[in-house]
C-alpha atoms as a PDB file:
ATOM      1  CA  MET A   1       0.000   0.000   0.000  1.00  0.00           C
ATOM      2  CA  GLU A   2       1.244   3.493  -0.767  1.00  0.00           C
ATOM      3  CA  PRO A   3       2.175   5.805   2.119  1.00  0.00           C
ATOM      4  CA  ASN A   4       0.357   8.665   0.350  1.00  0.00           C
ATOM      5  CA  SER A   5      -2.973   6.920   0.919  1.00  0.00           C
ATOM      6  CA  LEU A   6      -2.772   7.529   4.682  1.00  0.00           C
ATOM      7  CA  ASP A   7      -5.254  10.398   4.312  1.00  0.00           C
ATOM      8  CA  GLU A   8      -7.807   8.015   2.861  1.00  0.00           C
ATOM      9  CA  VAL A   9      -7.121   5.376   5.525  1.00  0.00           C
ATOM     10  CA  TYR A  10      -7.368   8.054   8.227  1.00  0.00           C
ATOM     11  CA  GLY A  11     -10.671   9.337   6.881  1.00  0.00           C
ATOM     12  CA  ASN A  12     -12.141   5.840   6.732  1.00  0.00           C
ATOM     13  CA  TYR A  13     -11.079   4.545  10.127  1.00  0.00           C
ATOM     14  CA  VAL A  14     -10.373   7.490  12.456  1.00  0.00           C
ATOM     15  CA  MET A  15     -13.691   7.298  14.319  1.00  0.00           C
ATOM     16  CA  ASP A  16     -13.559   3.490  14.658  1.00  0.00           C
ATOM     17  CA  ILE A  17     -10.056   3.662  16.108  1.00  0.00           C
ATOM     18  CA  TYR A  18     -10.996   6.548  18.404  1.00  0.00           C
ATOM     19  CA  ARG A  19     -14.086   4.739  19.760  1.00  0.00           C
ATOM     20  CA  TYR A  20     -12.046   1.568  20.306  1.00  0.00           C
ATOM     21  CA  LEU A  21      -9.320   3.426  22.186  1.00  0.00           C
ATOM     22  CA  ARG A  22     -11.876   5.443  24.145  1.00  0.00           C
ATOM     23  CA  SER A  23     -13.591   2.251  25.256  1.00  0.00           C
ATOM     24  CA  LEU A  24     -10.254   0.785  26.324  1.00  0.00           C
ATOM     25  CA  CYS A  25      -8.884   3.706  28.328  1.00  0.00           C
ATOM     26  CA  GLN A  26     -12.107   5.528  29.370  1.00  0.00           C
ATOM     27  CA  ASP A  27     -10.411   8.892  28.809  1.00  0.00           C
ATOM     28  CA  HIS A  28     -11.157  11.217  25.891  1.00  0.00           C
ATOM     29  CA  HIS A  29      -7.780  12.936  25.923  1.00  0.00           C
ATOM     30  CA  ALA A  30      -5.775   9.722  26.245  1.00  0.00           C
ATOM     31  CA  ALA A  31      -7.839   8.202  23.414  1.00  0.00           C
ATOM     32  CA  GLU A  32      -7.041  11.185  21.180  1.00  0.00           C
ATOM     33  CA  ASP A  33      -3.328  10.908  21.984  1.00  0.00           C
ATOM     34  CA  LEU A  34      -3.351   7.182  21.341  1.00  0.00           C
ATOM     35  CA  MET A  35      -5.221   7.706  18.090  1.00  0.00           C
ATOM     36  CA  GLN A  36      -2.505  10.112  16.931  1.00  0.00           C
ATOM     37  CA  GLU A  37       0.147   7.609  17.957  1.00  0.00           C
ATOM     38  CA  THR A  38      -1.694   4.869  16.063  1.00  0.00           C
ATOM     39  CA  PHE A  39      -1.805   6.822  12.831  1.00  0.00           C
ATOM     40  CA  TYR A  40       1.800   7.953  13.262  1.00  0.00           C
ATOM     41  CA  ARG A  41       2.853   4.304  13.528  1.00  0.00           C
ATOM     42  CA  ALA A  42       0.580   3.461  10.607  1.00  0.00           C
ATOM     43  CA  TYR A  43       2.306   6.104   8.508  1.00  0.00           C
ATOM     44  CA  LEU A  44       5.686   4.550   9.274  1.00  0.00           C
ATOM     45  CA  TYR A  45       4.673   1.015   8.316  1.00  0.00           C
ATOM     46  CA  LEU A  46       1.717   1.452   5.956  1.00  0.00           C
ATOM     47  CA  GLU A  47       3.572   0.119   2.932  1.00  0.00           C
ATOM     48  CA  ASP A  48       4.036  -3.231   4.728  1.00  0.00           C
ATOM     49  CA  CYS A  49       0.285  -3.799   5.101  1.00  0.00           C
ATOM     50  CA  ARG A  50      -1.997  -5.340   2.486  1.00  0.00           C
ATOM     51  CA  GLU A  51      -4.946  -3.166   1.554  1.00  0.00           C
ATOM     52  CA  ASP A  52      -7.588  -5.782   2.449  1.00  0.00           C
ATOM     53  CA  LYS A  53      -6.141  -6.120   5.986  1.00  0.00           C
ATOM     54  CA  ILE A  54      -5.972  -2.402   6.881  1.00  0.00           C
ATOM     55  CA  LYS A  55      -8.774  -2.282   9.473  1.00  0.00           C
ATOM     56  CA  PRO A  56      -7.638  -5.241  11.625  1.00  0.00           C
ATOM     57  CA  TRP A  57      -4.035  -4.071  11.280  1.00  0.00           C
ATOM     58  CA  LEU A  58      -4.968  -0.576  12.506  1.00  0.00           C
ATOM     59  CA  PHE A  59      -6.834  -2.070  15.462  1.00  0.00           C
ATOM     60  CA  ARG A  60      -3.747  -4.139  16.284  1.00  0.00           C
ATOM     61  CA  VAL A  61      -1.537  -1.027  16.066  1.00  0.00           C
ATOM     62  CA  ALA A  62      -4.019   0.843  18.287  1.00  0.00           C
ATOM     63  CA  TYR A  63      -4.067  -2.004  20.809  1.00  0.00           C
ATOM     64  CA  ASN A  64      -0.258  -2.049  20.906  1.00  0.00           C
ATOM     65  CA  ALA A  65      -0.206   1.732  21.435  1.00  0.00           C
ATOM     66  CA  PHE A  66      -2.716   1.274  24.283  1.00  0.00           C
ATOM     67  CA  VAL A  67      -0.566  -1.438  25.893  1.00  0.00           C
ATOM     68  CA  ASP A  68       2.488   0.833  25.643  1.00  0.00           C
ATOM     69  CA  TYR A  69       0.469   3.672  27.192  1.00  0.00           C
ATOM     70  CA  LYS A  70      -0.643   1.479  30.123  1.00  0.00           C
ATOM     71  CA  ARG A  71       2.926   0.340  30.745  1.00  0.00           C
ATOM     72  CA  LYS A  72       4.124   3.930  30.746  1.00  0.00           C
ATOM     73  CA  GLU A  73       1.224   4.958  32.983  1.00  0.00           C
ATOM     74  CA  LYS A  74       2.278   2.396  35.598  1.00  0.00           C
ATOM     75  CA  ARG A  75       5.700   4.038  35.803  1.00  0.00           C
ATOM     76  CA  SER A  76       4.387   7.590  36.186  1.00  0.00           C
ATOM     77  CA  VAL A  77       2.256   9.280  38.813  1.00  0.00           C
ATOM     78  CA  SER A  78      -0.395  11.761  37.767  1.00  0.00           C
ATOM     79  CA  LYS A  79      -2.027  14.186  40.150  1.00  0.00           C
ATOM     80  CA  GLU A  80      -5.561  15.529  40.083  1.00  0.00           C
ATOM     81  CA  ALA A  81      -6.760  13.163  37.359  1.00  0.00           C
ATOM     82  CA  GLY A  82     -10.426  14.043  37.919  1.00  0.00           C
ATOM     83  CA  TYR A  83     -10.074  17.818  37.838  1.00  0.00           C
ATOM     84  CA  PHE A  84     -11.331  18.395  34.280  1.00  0.00           C
ATOM     85  CA  SER A  85     -14.102  15.818  34.497  1.00  0.00           C
ATOM     86  CA  GLY A  86     -15.526  17.784  37.446  1.00  0.00           C
ATOM     87  CA  LEU A  87     -15.961  20.993  35.455  1.00  0.00           C
ATOM     88  CA  ALA A  88     -19.466  21.752  34.259  1.00  0.00           C
ATOM     89  CA  HIS A  89     -20.217  21.418  30.567  1.00  0.00           C
ATOM     90  CA  PRO A  90     -22.394  24.127  28.977  1.00  0.00           C
ATOM     91  CA  ASP A  91     -24.701  21.515  27.341  1.00  0.00           C
ATOM     92  CA  THR A  92     -25.935  19.962  30.604  1.00  0.00           C
ATOM     93  CA  THR A  93     -29.461  18.905  29.724  1.00  0.00           C
ATOM     94  CA  GLU A  94     -31.598  16.084  30.984  1.00  0.00           C
ATOM     95  CA  GLY A  95     -31.011  14.080  27.800  1.00  0.00           C
ATOM     96  CA  THR A  96     -27.258  14.495  28.069  1.00  0.00           C
ATOM     97  CA  LEU A  97     -27.350  13.403  31.696  1.00  0.00           C
ATOM     98  CA  LEU A  98     -29.409  10.300  30.947  1.00  0.00           C
ATOM     99  CA  ARG A  99     -27.136   9.405  28.035  1.00  0.00           C
ATOM    100  CA  GLN A 100     -24.079   9.806  30.255  1.00  0.00           C
ATOM    101  CA  GLU A 101     -25.646   7.593  32.918  1.00  0.00           C
ATOM    102  CA  ARG A 102     -26.386   4.847  30.364  1.00  0.00           C
ATOM    103  CA  TRP A 103     -22.821   5.041  29.038  1.00  0.00           C
ATOM    104  CA  ALA A 104     -21.454   4.976  32.586  1.00  0.00           C
ATOM    105  CA  GLU A 105     -23.504   1.856  33.400  1.00  0.00           C
ATOM    106  CA  ALA A 106     -22.314   0.161  30.213  1.00  0.00           C
ATOM    107  CA  ALA A 107     -18.708   1.151  30.889  1.00  0.00           C
ATOM    108  CA  LEU A 108     -18.955  -0.126  34.461  1.00  0.00           C
ATOM    109  CA  ALA A 109     -20.348  -3.451  33.296  1.00  0.00           C
ATOM    110  CA  LEU A 110     -17.601  -3.735  30.677  1.00  0.00           C
ATOM    111  CA  ASN A 111     -14.914  -2.806  33.199  1.00  0.00           C
ATOM    112  CA  LEU A 112     -16.026  -5.625  35.482  1.00  0.00           C
ATOM    113  CA  LEU A 113     -15.233  -8.140  32.739  1.00  0.00           C
ATOM    114  CA  PRO A 114     -11.785  -9.730  32.615  1.00  0.00           C
ATOM    115  CA  GLU A 115      -9.497  -7.828  30.245  1.00  0.00           C
ATOM    116  CA  GLY A 116      -9.441 -10.472  27.510  1.00  0.00           C
ATOM    117  CA  GLN A 117     -13.227 -10.786  27.447  1.00  0.00           C
ATOM    118  CA  ARG A 118     -13.659  -7.004  27.413  1.00  0.00           C
ATOM    119  CA  HIS A 119     -11.296  -6.571  24.475  1.00  0.00           C
ATOM    120  CA  ALA A 120     -12.924  -9.426  22.566  1.00  0.00           C
ATOM    121  CA  LEU A 121     -16.394  -7.975  23.049  1.00  0.00           C
ATOM    122  CA  LEU A 122     -15.339  -4.438  22.120  1.00  0.00           C
ATOM    123  CA  LEU A 123     -13.600  -5.503  18.929  1.00  0.00           C
ATOM    124  CA  HIS A 124     -16.534  -7.480  17.567  1.00  0.00           C
ATOM    125  CA  ASP A 125     -19.710  -5.963  19.013  1.00  0.00           C
ATOM    126  CA  TYR A 126     -18.713  -2.292  19.190  1.00  0.00           C
ATOM    127  CA  HIS A 127     -16.169  -1.933  16.413  1.00  0.00           C
ATOM    128  CA  GLY A 128     -17.533  -4.347  13.833  1.00  0.00           C
ATOM    129  CA  LEU A 129     -14.513  -6.544  13.255  1.00  0.00           C
ATOM    130  CA  SER A 130     -15.226 -10.084  12.156  1.00  0.00           C
ATOM    131  CA  TYR A 131     -14.390 -12.889  14.561  1.00  0.00           C
ATOM    132  CA  LYS A 132     -11.377 -13.790  12.453  1.00  0.00           C
ATOM    133  CA  GLU A 133     -10.072 -10.201  12.243  1.00  0.00           C
ATOM    134  CA  ALA A 134     -10.563  -9.639  15.969  1.00  0.00           C
ATOM    135  CA  ALA A 135      -8.816 -12.915  16.803  1.00  0.00           C
ATOM    136  CA  VAL A 136      -5.823 -11.718  14.769  1.00  0.00           C
ATOM    137  CA  VAL A 137      -5.835  -8.370  16.615  1.00  0.00           C
ATOM    138  CA  MET A 138      -5.861 -10.158  19.959  1.00  0.00           C
ATOM    139  CA  ASP A 139      -3.329 -12.741  18.770  1.00  0.00           C
ATOM    140  CA  VAL A 140      -5.467 -15.717  19.815  1.00  0.00           C
ATOM    141  CA  GLY A 141      -7.016 -18.596  17.917  1.00  0.00           C
ATOM    142  CA  LEU A 142     -10.485 -18.218  16.420  1.00  0.00           C
ATOM    143  CA  SER A 143     -12.077 -20.755  18.775  1.00  0.00           C
ATOM    144  CA  GLN A 144     -10.462 -19.099  21.823  1.00  0.00           C
ATOM    145  CA  TYR A 145     -11.750 -15.727  20.620  1.00  0.00           C
ATOM    146  CA  LYS A 146     -15.307 -17.057  20.243  1.00  0.00           C
ATOM    147  CA  ILE A 147     -15.139 -18.464  23.775  1.00  0.00           C
ATOM    148  CA  LEU A 148     -14.024 -15.064  25.110  1.00  0.00           C
ATOM    149  CA  VAL A 149     -16.927 -13.289  23.387  1.00  0.00           C
ATOM    150  CA  PHE A 150     -19.438 -15.907  24.543  1.00  0.00           C
ATOM    151  CA  ARG A 151     -18.310 -15.674  28.173  1.00  0.00           C
ATOM    152  CA  ALA A 152     -18.284 -11.866  28.090  1.00  0.00           C
ATOM    153  CA  ARG A 153     -21.858 -11.774  26.794  1.00  0.00           C
ATOM    154  CA  GLN A 154     -22.905 -14.317  29.411  1.00  0.00           C
ATOM    155  CA  LYS A 155     -21.462 -12.190  32.224  1.00  0.00           C
ATOM    156  CA  LEU A 156     -23.093  -9.027  30.887  1.00  0.00           C
ATOM    157  CA  ARG A 157     -26.493 -10.753  30.686  1.00  0.00           C
ATOM    158  CA  GLU A 158     -26.065 -12.043  34.228  1.00  0.00           C
ATOM    159  CA  ALA A 159     -25.122  -8.573  35.517  1.00  0.00           C
ATOM    160  CA  GLU A 160     -28.152  -7.060  33.766  1.00  0.00           C
ATOM    161  CA  ARG A 161     -30.423  -9.718  35.252  1.00  0.00           C
ATOM    162  CA  ARG A 162     -29.074  -9.030  38.761  1.00  0.00           C
ATOM    163  CA  ARG A 163     -29.459  -5.270  38.299  1.00  0.00           C
ATOM    164  CA  ASN A 164     -33.090  -5.692  37.174  1.00  0.00           C
ATOM    165  CA  GLU A 165     -33.839  -7.881  40.204  1.00  0.00           C
ATOM    166  CA  HIS A 166     -32.600  -5.160  42.574  1.00  0.00           C
ATOM    167  CA  GLU A 167     -34.756  -2.434  40.991  1.00  0.00           C
END
């Protein structure tokens, strides 16, 4: 693939990669930084990738950038991480609040899943990768990937059932 076609690749996949990274790190700013890192790495190695494998390859690059970020985060200490999230947003309406609550519940349920199951579920159900493509991104066999997705869905259904019983 030609390096000059990065603009086209970026235009096609930027939102998918952003949403994937956002769901992994739960931080808008970190997701944006990781997205830039992903496309920087893609620019460096784009000619090595076949055109029909771009999307899974980009997800793999994004996942590797996320893993590098988490490793670096463990070595550094940040202070006042919640400062900006506490500031009021000018568009605070009832609909926005309800939408944020639904997303927070979904994120909490996803965060309770083991890491492998969470990644498997996000790649297929939220980002539209096929089972085969997602298995390649996660570097596991297809049958192992299907088991991860199945177990993740089972746990989410069970959590939803328990939450409905308590209401």
